[in-house]
PDB file of all heavy atoms in Angstrom:
ATOM      1  N   VAL A   1       0.824  -1.155   0.045  1.00  0.00           N
ATOM      2  CA  VAL A   1      -0.036  -0.057   0.014  1.00  0.00           C
ATOM      3  C   VAL A   1       0.959   1.285   0.028  1.00  0.00           C
ATOM      4  O   VAL A   1       1.686   1.481   0.863  1.00  0.00           O
ATOM      5  CB  VAL A   1      -0.964  -0.013   1.165  1.00  0.00           C
ATOM      6  CG1 VAL A   1      -1.851   1.229   1.218  1.00  0.00           C
ATOM      7  CG2 VAL A   1      -1.814  -1.294   1.244  1.00  0.00           C
ATOM      8  N   THR A   2       0.753   2.063  -0.974  1.00  0.00           N
ATOM      9  CA  THR A   2       1.600   3.160  -1.193  1.00  0.00           C
ATOM     10  C   THR A   2       0.809   4.532  -0.973  1.00  0.00           C
ATOM     11  O   THR A   2      -0.364   4.609  -1.107  1.00  0.00           O
ATOM     12  CB  THR A   2       2.413   3.289  -2.526  1.00  0.00           C
ATOM     13  OG1 THR A   2       1.308   3.218  -3.584  1.00  0.00           O
ATOM     14  CG2 THR A   2       3.240   1.948  -2.704  1.00  0.00           C
ATOM     15  N   ALA A   3       1.566   5.597  -0.771  1.00  0.00           N
ATOM     16  CA  ALA A   3       0.901   6.930  -0.660  1.00  0.00           C
ATOM     17  C   ALA A   3       0.334   7.461  -2.036  1.00  0.00           C
ATOM     18  O   ALA A   3       1.018   7.546  -2.923  1.00  0.00           O
ATOM     19  CB  ALA A   3       1.936   7.972  -0.074  1.00  0.00           C
ATOM     20  N   PRO A   4      -0.927   7.822  -1.978  1.00  0.00           N
ATOM     21  CA  PRO A   4      -1.577   8.263  -3.347  1.00  0.00           C
ATOM     22  C   PRO A   4      -1.146   9.667  -3.610  1.00  0.00           C
ATOM     23  O   PRO A   4      -1.245  10.122  -4.784  1.00  0.00           O
ATOM     24  CB  PRO A   4      -3.088   8.163  -3.046  1.00  0.00           C
ATOM     25  CG  PRO A   4      -3.110   8.268  -1.607  1.00  0.00           C
ATOM     26  CD  PRO A   4      -1.969   7.683  -0.930  1.00  0.00           C
ATOM     27  N   PHE A   5      -0.644  10.507  -2.701  1.00  0.00           N
ATOM     28  CA  PHE A   5      -0.071  11.809  -3.021  1.00  0.00           C
ATOM     29  C   PHE A   5       0.844  12.185  -1.828  1.00  0.00           C
ATOM     30  O   PHE A   5       0.871  11.553  -0.733  1.00  0.00           O
ATOM     31  CB  PHE A   5      -1.246  12.740  -3.109  1.00  0.00           C
ATOM     32  CG  PHE A   5      -2.202  12.807  -1.848  1.00  0.00           C
ATOM     33  CD1 PHE A   5      -1.860  13.577  -0.683  1.00  0.00           C
ATOM     34  CD2 PHE A   5      -3.400  12.152  -1.831  1.00  0.00           C
ATOM     35  CE1 PHE A   5      -2.668  13.615   0.424  1.00  0.00           C
ATOM     36  CE2 PHE A   5      -4.208  12.199  -0.675  1.00  0.00           C
ATOM     37  CZ  PHE A   5      -3.927  12.986   0.427  1.00  0.00           C
ATOM     38  N   ALA A   6       1.611  13.309  -2.051  1.00  0.00           N
ATOM     39  CA  ALA A   6       2.495  13.788  -1.034  1.00  0.00           C
ATOM     40  C   ALA A   6       1.735  14.272   0.147  1.00  0.00           C
ATOM     41  O   ALA A   6       0.769  15.250  -0.056  1.00  0.00           O
ATOM     42  CB  ALA A   6       3.468  14.749  -1.597  1.00  0.00           C
ATOM     43  N   GLY A   7       2.025  14.019   1.443  1.00  0.00           N
ATOM     44  CA  GLY A   7       1.391  14.555   2.536  1.00  0.00           C
ATOM     45  C   GLY A   7       1.783  14.043   3.786  1.00  0.00           C
ATOM     46  O   GLY A   7       2.973  13.494   3.976  1.00  0.00           O
ATOM     47  N   THR A   8       1.073  14.226   4.943  1.00  0.00           N
ATOM     48  CA  THR A   8       1.500  13.860   6.252  1.00  0.00           C
ATOM     49  C   THR A   8       0.519  12.732   6.742  1.00  0.00           C
ATOM     50  O   THR A   8      -0.758  12.836   6.567  1.00  0.00           O
ATOM     51  CB  THR A   8       1.317  15.036   7.150  1.00  0.00           C
ATOM     52  OG1 THR A   8       2.095  16.162   6.721  1.00  0.00           O
ATOM     53  CG2 THR A   8       1.790  14.672   8.548  1.00  0.00           C
ATOM     54  N   VAL A   9       1.122  11.651   7.348  1.00  0.00           N
ATOM     55  CA  VAL A   9       0.380  10.596   7.885  1.00  0.00           C
ATOM     56  C   VAL A   9      -0.189  11.149   9.210  1.00  0.00           C
ATOM     57  O   VAL A   9       0.476  11.590  10.084  1.00  0.00           O
ATOM     58  CB  VAL A   9       1.158   9.519   8.223  1.00  0.00           C
ATOM     59  CG1 VAL A   9       0.397   8.285   8.892  1.00  0.00           C
ATOM     60  CG2 VAL A   9       1.917   8.979   6.881  1.00  0.00           C
ATOM     61  N   THR A  10      -1.492  11.309   9.225  1.00  0.00           N
ATOM     62  CA  THR A  10      -2.220  11.927  10.376  1.00  0.00           C
ATOM     63  C   THR A  10      -2.925  10.929  11.380  1.00  0.00           C
ATOM     64  O   THR A  10      -3.401  11.386  12.378  1.00  0.00           O
ATOM     65  CB  THR A  10      -3.307  12.874   9.876  1.00  0.00           C
ATOM     66  OG1 THR A  10      -4.294  12.176   9.144  1.00  0.00           O
ATOM     67  CG2 THR A  10      -2.661  14.133   9.196  1.00  0.00           C
ATOM     68  N   GLY A  11      -2.830   9.671  11.007  1.00  0.00           N
ATOM     69  CA  GLY A  11      -3.399   8.628  11.942  1.00  0.00           C
ATOM     70  C   GLY A  11      -3.207   7.184  11.381  1.00  0.00           C
ATOM     71  O   GLY A  11      -3.438   7.014  10.138  1.00  0.00           O
ATOM     72  N   ILE A  12      -2.680   6.416  12.309  1.00  0.00           N
ATOM     73  CA  ILE A  12      -2.590   4.890  11.832  1.00  0.00           C
ATOM     74  C   ILE A  12      -3.566   4.001  12.585  1.00  0.00           C
ATOM     75  O   ILE A  12      -3.760   4.216  13.747  1.00  0.00           O
ATOM     76  CB  ILE A  12      -1.144   4.480  12.168  1.00  0.00           C
ATOM     77  CG1 ILE A  12      -0.079   5.271  11.380  1.00  0.00           C
ATOM     78  CG2 ILE A  12      -0.952   2.925  11.895  1.00  0.00           C
ATOM     79  CD1 ILE A  12       1.381   4.905  11.716  1.00  0.00           C
ATOM     80  N   LYS A  13      -4.263   3.340  11.728  1.00  0.00           N
ATOM     81  CA  LYS A  13      -5.516   2.650  12.324  1.00  0.00           C
ATOM     82  C   LYS A  13      -5.269   1.092  12.190  1.00  0.00           C
ATOM     83  O   LYS A  13      -6.166   0.277  12.602  1.00  0.00           O
ATOM     84  CB  LYS A  13      -6.717   3.029  11.529  1.00  0.00           C
ATOM     85  CG  LYS A  13      -6.985   4.514  11.538  1.00  0.00           C
ATOM     86  CD  LYS A  13      -8.247   4.802  10.813  1.00  0.00           C
ATOM     87  CE  LYS A  13      -8.614   6.283  11.040  1.00  0.00           C
ATOM     88  NZ  LYS A  13      -7.540   7.276  10.664  1.00  0.00           N
ATOM     89  N   ALA A  14      -4.113   0.546  11.714  1.00  0.00           N
ATOM     90  CA  ALA A  14      -3.817  -0.857  11.590  1.00  0.00           C
ATOM     91  C   ALA A  14      -2.421  -1.137  12.078  1.00  0.00           C
ATOM     92  O   ALA A  14      -1.594  -0.240  11.916  1.00  0.00           O
ATOM     93  CB  ALA A  14      -4.090  -1.363  10.220  1.00  0.00           C
ATOM     94  N   ARG A  15      -2.227  -2.336  12.601  1.00  0.00           N
ATOM     95  CA  ARG A  15      -0.942  -2.616  13.163  1.00  0.00           C
ATOM     96  C   ARG A  15      -0.454  -3.999  12.541  1.00  0.00           C
ATOM     97  O   ARG A  15      -1.347  -4.774  12.038  1.00  0.00           O
ATOM     98  CB  ARG A  15      -0.987  -2.899  14.639  1.00  0.00           C
ATOM     99  CG  ARG A  15      -1.363  -1.689  15.592  1.00  0.00           C
ATOM    100  CD  ARG A  15      -0.453  -0.619  15.512  1.00  0.00           C
ATOM    101  NE  ARG A  15      -0.633   0.599  16.272  1.00  0.00           N
ATOM    102  CZ  ARG A  15      -1.335   1.718  15.672  1.00  0.00           C
ATOM    103  NH1 ARG A  15      -1.649   1.639  14.371  1.00  0.00           N
ATOM    104  NH2 ARG A  15      -1.465   2.739  16.517  1.00  0.00           N
ATOM    105  N   ALA A  16       0.763  -4.249  12.544  1.00  0.00           N
ATOM    106  CA  ALA A  16       1.424  -5.382  12.041  1.00  0.00           C
ATOM    107  C   ALA A  16       0.846  -6.716  12.781  1.00  0.00           C
ATOM    108  O   ALA A  16       0.748  -6.639  14.030  1.00  0.00           O
ATOM    109  CB  ALA A  16       3.015  -5.417  12.208  1.00  0.00           C
ATOM    110  N   GLY A  17       0.427  -7.652  12.007  1.00  0.00           N
ATOM    111  CA  GLY A  17      -0.201  -8.787  12.598  1.00  0.00           C
ATOM    112  C   GLY A  17      -1.635  -8.796  12.633  1.00  0.00           C
ATOM    113  O   GLY A  17      -2.232  -9.910  12.832  1.00  0.00           O
ATOM    114  N   GLU A  18      -2.319  -7.734  12.331  1.00  0.00           N
ATOM    115  CA  GLU A  18      -3.722  -7.715  12.291  1.00  0.00           C
ATOM    116  C   GLU A  18      -4.225  -8.179  10.933  1.00  0.00           C
ATOM    117  O   GLU A  18      -3.612  -7.913   9.869  1.00  0.00           O
ATOM    118  CB  GLU A  18      -4.162  -6.279  12.540  1.00  0.00           C
ATOM    119  CG  GLU A  18      -3.934  -5.852  13.995  1.00  0.00           C
ATOM    120  CD  GLU A  18      -4.430  -4.389  14.249  1.00  0.00           C
ATOM    121  OE1 GLU A  18      -4.770  -3.706  13.288  1.00  0.00           O
ATOM    122  OE2 GLU A  18      -4.479  -4.038  15.485  1.00  0.00           O
ATOM    123  N   THR A  19      -5.356  -8.849  10.904  1.00  0.00           N
ATOM    124  CA  THR A  19      -6.115  -9.212   9.780  1.00  0.00           C
ATOM    125  C   THR A  19      -7.155  -8.004   9.373  1.00  0.00           C
ATOM    126  O   THR A  19      -7.918  -7.620  10.280  1.00  0.00           O
ATOM    127  CB  THR A  19      -6.827 -10.495   9.934  1.00  0.00           C
ATOM    128  OG1 THR A  19      -5.898 -11.444  10.222  1.00  0.00           O
ATOM    129  CG2 THR A  19      -7.642 -10.814   8.709  1.00  0.00           C
ATOM    130  N   VAL A  20      -7.093  -7.613   8.094  1.00  0.00           N
ATOM    131  CA  VAL A  20      -7.887  -6.626   7.776  1.00  0.00           C
ATOM    132  C   VAL A  20      -8.875  -6.942   6.518  1.00  0.00           C
ATOM    133  O   VAL A  20      -8.421  -7.867   5.746  1.00  0.00           O
ATOM    134  CB  VAL A  20      -7.207  -5.256   7.350  1.00  0.00           C
ATOM    135  CG1 VAL A  20      -6.492  -4.795   8.431  1.00  0.00           C
ATOM    136  CG2 VAL A  20      -6.241  -5.619   6.182  1.00  0.00           C
ATOM    137  N   GLY A  21      -9.898  -6.346   6.313  1.00  0.00           N
ATOM    138  CA  GLY A  21     -10.828  -6.562   5.171  1.00  0.00           C
ATOM    139  C   GLY A  21     -10.716  -5.526   4.060  1.00  0.00           C
ATOM    140  O   GLY A  21     -10.181  -4.433   4.398  1.00  0.00           O
ATOM    141  N   LYS A  22     -11.051  -5.870   2.997  1.00  0.00           N
ATOM    142  CA  LYS A  22     -10.935  -4.963   1.887  1.00  0.00           C
ATOM    143  C   LYS A  22     -11.785  -3.642   2.223  1.00  0.00           C
ATOM    144  O   LYS A  22     -13.074  -3.879   2.635  1.00  0.00           O
ATOM    145  CB  LYS A  22     -11.634  -5.673   0.581  1.00  0.00           C
ATOM    146  CG  LYS A  22     -11.593  -4.792  -0.698  1.00  0.00           C
ATOM    147  CD  LYS A  22     -12.226  -5.497  -1.824  1.00  0.00           C
ATOM    148  CE  LYS A  22     -12.091  -4.729  -3.013  1.00  0.00           C
ATOM    149  NZ  LYS A  22     -12.526  -5.388  -4.161  1.00  0.00           N
ATOM    150  N   GLY A  23     -11.261  -2.692   2.036  1.00  0.00           N
ATOM    151  CA  GLY A  23     -11.966  -1.386   2.255  1.00  0.00           C
ATOM    152  C   GLY A  23     -11.660  -0.804   3.729  1.00  0.00           C
ATOM    153  O   GLY A  23     -12.186   0.294   4.042  1.00  0.00           O
ATOM    154  N   GLN A  24     -11.060  -1.627   4.573  1.00  0.00           N
ATOM    155  CA  GLN A  24     -10.915  -1.250   5.941  1.00  0.00           C
ATOM    156  C   GLN A  24      -9.727  -0.046   5.932  1.00  0.00           C
ATOM    157  O   GLN A  24      -8.743  -0.191   5.421  1.00  0.00           O
ATOM    158  CB  GLN A  24     -10.444  -2.426   6.895  1.00  0.00           C
ATOM    159  CG  GLN A  24     -10.265  -2.018   8.307  1.00  0.00           C
ATOM    160  CD  GLN A  24     -10.068  -3.164   9.083  1.00  0.00           C
ATOM    161  OE1 GLN A  24     -10.492  -4.264   8.769  1.00  0.00           O
ATOM    162  NE2 GLN A  24      -9.196  -3.168  10.072  1.00  0.00           N
ATOM    163  N   PRO A  25      -9.954   0.911   6.690  1.00  0.00           N
ATOM    164  CA  PRO A  25      -9.002   2.077   6.835  1.00  0.00           C
ATOM    165  C   PRO A  25      -7.654   1.538   7.476  1.00  0.00           C
ATOM    166  O   PRO A  25      -7.704   0.928   8.544  1.00  0.00           O
ATOM    167  CB  PRO A  25      -9.624   3.094   7.743  1.00  0.00           C
ATOM    168  CG  PRO A  25     -11.068   2.871   7.622  1.00  0.00           C
ATOM    169  CD  PRO A  25     -11.244   1.421   7.473  1.00  0.00           C
ATOM    170  N   LEU A  26      -6.578   1.980   6.916  1.00  0.00           N
ATOM    171  CA  LEU A  26      -5.227   1.603   7.383  1.00  0.00           C
ATOM    172  C   LEU A  26      -4.533   2.771   7.980  1.00  0.00           C
ATOM    173  O   LEU A  26      -3.945   2.690   9.064  1.00  0.00           O
ATOM    174  CB  LEU A  26      -4.424   1.126   6.307  1.00  0.00           C
ATOM    175  CG  LEU A  26      -4.804  -0.272   5.664  1.00  0.00           C
ATOM    176  CD1 LEU A  26      -3.928  -0.501   4.271  1.00  0.00           C
ATOM    177  CD2 LEU A  26      -4.920  -1.361   6.618  1.00  0.00           C
ATOM    178  N   CYS A  27      -4.690   3.991   7.352  1.00  0.00           N
ATOM    179  CA  CYS A  27      -4.298   5.237   7.883  1.00  0.00           C
ATOM    180  C   CYS A  27      -4.921   6.433   7.271  1.00  0.00           C
ATOM    181  O   CYS A  27      -5.703   6.262   6.246  1.00  0.00           O
ATOM    182  CB  CYS A  27      -2.758   5.312   7.751  1.00  0.00           C
ATOM    183  SG  CYS A  27      -2.144   5.644   6.106  1.00  0.00           S
ATOM    184  N   SER A  28      -4.628   7.701   7.901  1.00  0.00           N
ATOM    185  CA  SER A  28      -5.192   8.881   7.286  1.00  0.00           C
ATOM    186  C   SER A  28      -3.968   9.576   6.677  1.00  0.00           C
ATOM    187  O   SER A  28      -2.864   9.667   7.221  1.00  0.00           O
ATOM    188  CB  SER A  28      -5.954   9.755   8.240  1.00  0.00           C
ATOM    189  OG  SER A  28      -6.964   9.051   8.878  1.00  0.00           O
ATOM    190  N   LEU A  29      -4.248  10.252   5.606  1.00  0.00           N
ATOM    191  CA  LEU A  29      -3.169  11.077   4.907  1.00  0.00           C
ATOM    192  C   LEU A  29      -3.737  12.433   4.572  1.00  0.00           C
ATOM    193  O   LEU A  29      -4.769  12.591   4.004  1.00  0.00           O
ATOM    194  CB  LEU A  29      -2.713  10.242   3.598  1.00  0.00           C
ATOM    195  CG  LEU A  29      -1.439  10.999   2.928  1.00  0.00           C
ATOM    196  CD1 LEU A  29      -0.227  10.850   3.888  1.00  0.00           C
ATOM    197  CD2 LEU A  29      -1.268  10.237   1.563  1.00  0.00           C
ATOM    198  N   ALA A  30      -2.958  13.470   4.844  1.00  0.00           N
ATOM    199  CA  ALA A  30      -3.444  14.890   4.475  1.00  0.00           C
ATOM    200  C   ALA A  30      -2.367  15.756   4.053  1.00  0.00           C
ATOM    201  O   ALA A  30      -1.174  15.610   4.436  1.00  0.00           O
ATOM    202  CB  ALA A  30      -4.065  15.417   5.720  1.00  0.00           C
ATOM    203  N   ASP A  31      -2.747  16.440   3.014  1.00  0.00           N
ATOM    204  CA  ASP A  31      -1.795  17.522   2.507  1.00  0.00           C
ATOM    205  C   ASP A  31      -1.946  18.795   3.277  1.00  0.00           C
ATOM    206  O   ASP A  31      -3.002  19.563   3.055  1.00  0.00           O
ATOM    207  CB  ASP A  31      -1.905  17.723   0.910  1.00  0.00           C
ATOM    208  CG  ASP A  31      -1.056  18.781   0.484  1.00  0.00           C
ATOM    209  OD1 ASP A  31      -0.273  19.320   1.122  1.00  0.00           O
ATOM    210  OD2 ASP A  31      -1.129  19.128  -0.784  1.00  0.00           O
ATOM    211  N   LEU A  32      -1.136  18.935   4.321  1.00  0.00           N
ATOM    212  CA  LEU A  32      -1.395  20.023   5.286  1.00  0.00           C
ATOM    213  C   LEU A  32      -1.018  21.401   4.752  1.00  0.00           C
ATOM    214  O   LEU A  32      -1.253  22.430   5.432  1.00  0.00           O
ATOM    215  CB  LEU A  32      -0.790  19.811   6.643  1.00  0.00           C
ATOM    216  CG  LEU A  32      -1.236  18.463   7.358  1.00  0.00           C
ATOM    217  CD1 LEU A  32      -0.585  18.323   8.663  1.00  0.00           C
ATOM    218  CD2 LEU A  32      -2.738  18.616   7.465  1.00  0.00           C
ATOM    219  N   SER A  33      -0.471  21.441   3.483  1.00  0.00           N
ATOM    220  CA  SER A  33      -0.175  22.700   2.781  1.00  0.00           C
ATOM    221  C   SER A  33      -1.502  23.408   2.227  1.00  0.00           C
ATOM    222  O   SER A  33      -1.513  24.473   1.939  1.00  0.00           O
ATOM    223  CB  SER A  33       0.875  22.658   1.807  1.00  0.00           C
ATOM    224  OG  SER A  33       0.350  21.831   0.719  1.00  0.00           O
ATOM    225  N   ARG A  34      -2.575  22.499   2.084  1.00  0.00           N
ATOM    226  CA  ARG A  34      -3.800  22.973   1.661  1.00  0.00           C
ATOM    227  C   ARG A  34      -4.774  22.938   2.749  1.00  0.00           C
ATOM    228  O   ARG A  34      -5.692  21.942   2.809  1.00  0.00           O
ATOM    229  CB  ARG A  34      -4.167  22.050   0.472  1.00  0.00           C
ATOM    230  CG  ARG A  34      -3.322  22.226  -0.784  1.00  0.00           C
ATOM    231  CD  ARG A  34      -3.780  21.180  -1.827  1.00  0.00           C
ATOM    232  NE  ARG A  34      -5.215  21.427  -2.111  1.00  0.00           N
ATOM    233  CZ  ARG A  34      -6.066  20.435  -2.626  1.00  0.00           C
ATOM    234  NH1 ARG A  34      -5.511  19.110  -2.672  1.00  0.00           N
ATOM    235  NH2 ARG A  34      -7.361  20.545  -2.688  1.00  0.00           N
ATOM    236  N   LEU A  35      -4.895  23.932   3.517  1.00  0.00           N
ATOM    237  CA  LEU A  35      -5.769  24.099   4.698  1.00  0.00           C
ATOM    238  C   LEU A  35      -6.829  24.972   4.326  1.00  0.00           C
ATOM    239  O   LEU A  35      -6.609  26.097   3.610  1.00  0.00           O
ATOM    240  CB  LEU A  35      -5.083  24.555   6.043  1.00  0.00           C
ATOM    241  CG  LEU A  35      -4.134  23.486   6.629  1.00  0.00           C
ATOM    242  CD1 LEU A  35      -3.389  24.146   7.861  1.00  0.00           C
ATOM    243  CD2 LEU A  35      -4.795  22.313   6.893  1.00  0.00           C
ATOM    244  N   VAL A  36      -8.094  24.810   4.794  1.00  0.00           N
ATOM    245  CA  VAL A  36      -9.249  25.845   4.651  1.00  0.00           C
ATOM    246  C   VAL A  36      -9.844  25.819   6.136  1.00  0.00           C
ATOM    247  O   VAL A  36      -9.606  24.985   6.973  1.00  0.00           O
ATOM    248  CB  VAL A  36     -10.242  25.455   3.785  1.00  0.00           C
ATOM    249  CG1 VAL A  36      -9.564  25.192   2.255  1.00  0.00           C
ATOM    250  CG2 VAL A  36     -10.867  23.994   4.074  1.00  0.00           C
ATOM    251  N   VAL A  37     -10.621  26.854   6.234  1.00  0.00           N
ATOM    252  CA  VAL A  37     -11.528  27.152   7.384  1.00  0.00           C
ATOM    253  C   VAL A  37     -12.924  26.542   6.932  1.00  0.00           C
ATOM    254  O   VAL A  37     -13.379  27.161   5.875  1.00  0.00           O
ATOM    255  CB  VAL A  37     -11.500  28.456   7.947  1.00  0.00           C
ATOM    256  CG1 VAL A  37     -12.493  28.572   9.152  1.00  0.00           C
ATOM    257  CG2 VAL A  37     -10.153  28.978   8.523  1.00  0.00           C
ATOM    258  N   VAL A  38     -13.527  25.666   7.666  1.00  0.00           N
ATOM    259  CA  VAL A  38     -14.787  25.225   7.337  1.00  0.00           C
ATOM    260  C   VAL A  38     -15.698  25.903   8.264  1.00  0.00           C
ATOM    261  O   VAL A  38     -15.586  25.770   9.592  1.00  0.00           O
ATOM    262  CB  VAL A  38     -14.996  23.694   7.396  1.00  0.00           C
ATOM    263  CG1 VAL A  38     -16.356  23.195   7.151  1.00  0.00           C
ATOM    264  CG2 VAL A  38     -13.924  23.076   6.486  1.00  0.00           C
ATOM    265  N   ALA A  39     -16.795  26.582   7.899  1.00  0.00           N
ATOM    266  CA  ALA A  39     -17.611  27.380   8.678  1.00  0.00           C
ATOM    267  C   ALA A  39     -19.116  27.242   8.218  1.00  0.00           C
ATOM    268  O   ALA A  39     -19.387  26.822   7.134  1.00  0.00           O
ATOM    269  CB  ALA A  39     -17.257  28.933   8.794  1.00  0.00           C
ATOM    270  N   LYS A  40     -20.082  27.345   9.111  1.00  0.00           N
ATOM    271  CA  LYS A  40     -21.365  27.394   8.896  1.00  0.00           C
ATOM    272  C   LYS A  40     -22.049  28.675   8.958  1.00  0.00           C
ATOM    273  O   LYS A  40     -21.734  29.510  10.085  1.00  0.00           O
ATOM    274  CB  LYS A  40     -22.056  26.354   9.832  1.00  0.00           C
ATOM    275  CG  LYS A  40     -21.691  24.871   9.604  1.00  0.00           C
ATOM    276  CD  LYS A  40     -22.502  23.838  10.430  1.00  0.00           C
ATOM    277  CE  LYS A  40     -22.098  22.445  10.126  1.00  0.00           C
ATOM    278  NZ  LYS A  40     -22.385  22.067   8.644  1.00  0.00           N
ATOM    279  N   VAL A  41     -22.837  29.042   7.991  1.00  0.00           N
ATOM    280  CA  VAL A  41     -23.388  30.413   7.892  1.00  0.00           C
ATOM    281  C   VAL A  41     -24.878  30.262   7.876  1.00  0.00           C
ATOM    282  O   VAL A  41     -25.465  29.456   7.206  1.00  0.00           O
ATOM    283  CB  VAL A  41     -22.971  31.153   6.653  1.00  0.00           C
ATOM    284  CG1 VAL A  41     -23.583  32.547   6.508  1.00  0.00           C
ATOM    285  CG2 VAL A  41     -21.424  31.165   6.478  1.00  0.00           C
ATOM    286  N   PRO A  42     -25.524  30.988   8.766  1.00  0.00           N
ATOM    287  CA  PRO A  42     -27.007  30.869   8.834  1.00  0.00           C
ATOM    288  C   PRO A  42     -27.643  31.154   7.465  1.00  0.00           C
ATOM    289  O   PRO A  42     -27.156  32.177   6.764  1.00  0.00           O
ATOM    290  CB  PRO A  42     -27.552  32.069   9.858  1.00  0.00           C
ATOM    291  CG  PRO A  42     -26.262  32.154  10.637  1.00  0.00           C
ATOM    292  CD  PRO A  42     -25.134  31.810   9.822  1.00  0.00           C
ATOM    293  N   VAL A  43     -28.669  30.469   7.067  1.00  0.00           N
ATOM    294  CA  VAL A  43     -29.276  30.643   5.707  1.00  0.00           C
ATOM    295  C   VAL A  43     -29.652  32.137   5.451  1.00  0.00           C
ATOM    296  O   VAL A  43     -29.498  32.523   4.385  1.00  0.00           O
ATOM    297  CB  VAL A  43     -30.540  29.732   5.611  1.00  0.00           C
ATOM    298  CG1 VAL A  43     -31.250  29.962   4.267  1.00  0.00           C
ATOM    299  CG2 VAL A  43     -30.050  28.355   5.629  1.00  0.00           C
ATOM    300  N   ARG A  44     -30.099  32.834   6.449  1.00  0.00           N
ATOM    301  CA  ARG A  44     -30.652  34.203   6.299  1.00  0.00           C
ATOM    302  C   ARG A  44     -29.386  35.168   5.926  1.00  0.00           C
ATOM    303  O   ARG A  44     -29.731  36.255   5.442  1.00  0.00           O
ATOM    304  CB  ARG A  44     -31.278  34.691   7.573  1.00  0.00           C
ATOM    305  CG  ARG A  44     -30.448  34.923   8.719  1.00  0.00           C
ATOM    306  CD  ARG A  44     -31.139  35.302   9.928  1.00  0.00           C
ATOM    307  NE  ARG A  44     -30.184  35.414  11.164  1.00  0.00           N
ATOM    308  CZ  ARG A  44     -29.877  34.472  11.936  1.00  0.00           C
ATOM    309  NH1 ARG A  44     -30.479  33.283  11.760  1.00  0.00           N
ATOM    310  NH2 ARG A  44     -29.097  34.630  12.909  1.00  0.00           N
ATOM    311  N   GLU A  45     -28.204  34.647   6.131  1.00  0.00           N
ATOM    312  CA  GLU A  45     -27.086  35.561   5.778  1.00  0.00           C
ATOM    313  C   GLU A  45     -26.206  35.026   4.732  1.00  0.00           C
ATOM    314  O   GLU A  45     -25.224  35.883   4.278  1.00  0.00           O
ATOM    315  CB  GLU A  45     -26.186  35.734   7.102  1.00  0.00           C
ATOM    316  CG  GLU A  45     -26.961  36.384   8.275  1.00  0.00           C
ATOM    317  CD  GLU A  45     -25.916  36.367   9.487  1.00  0.00           C
ATOM    318  OE1 GLU A  45     -25.072  35.589   9.635  1.00  0.00           O
ATOM    319  OE2 GLU A  45     -26.167  37.203  10.281  1.00  0.00           O
TER     320      GLU A  45
END
């Protein structure tokens, strides 16, 4: 399993010796150079 893009490993969810199923998360990967602020705006505004 290789990195699909350049980034930072932000969480590991599987360990050596564990049995996993197809589609099961192994780790999280994020490009932290591309950050945004996610906010919620009232519909009236």
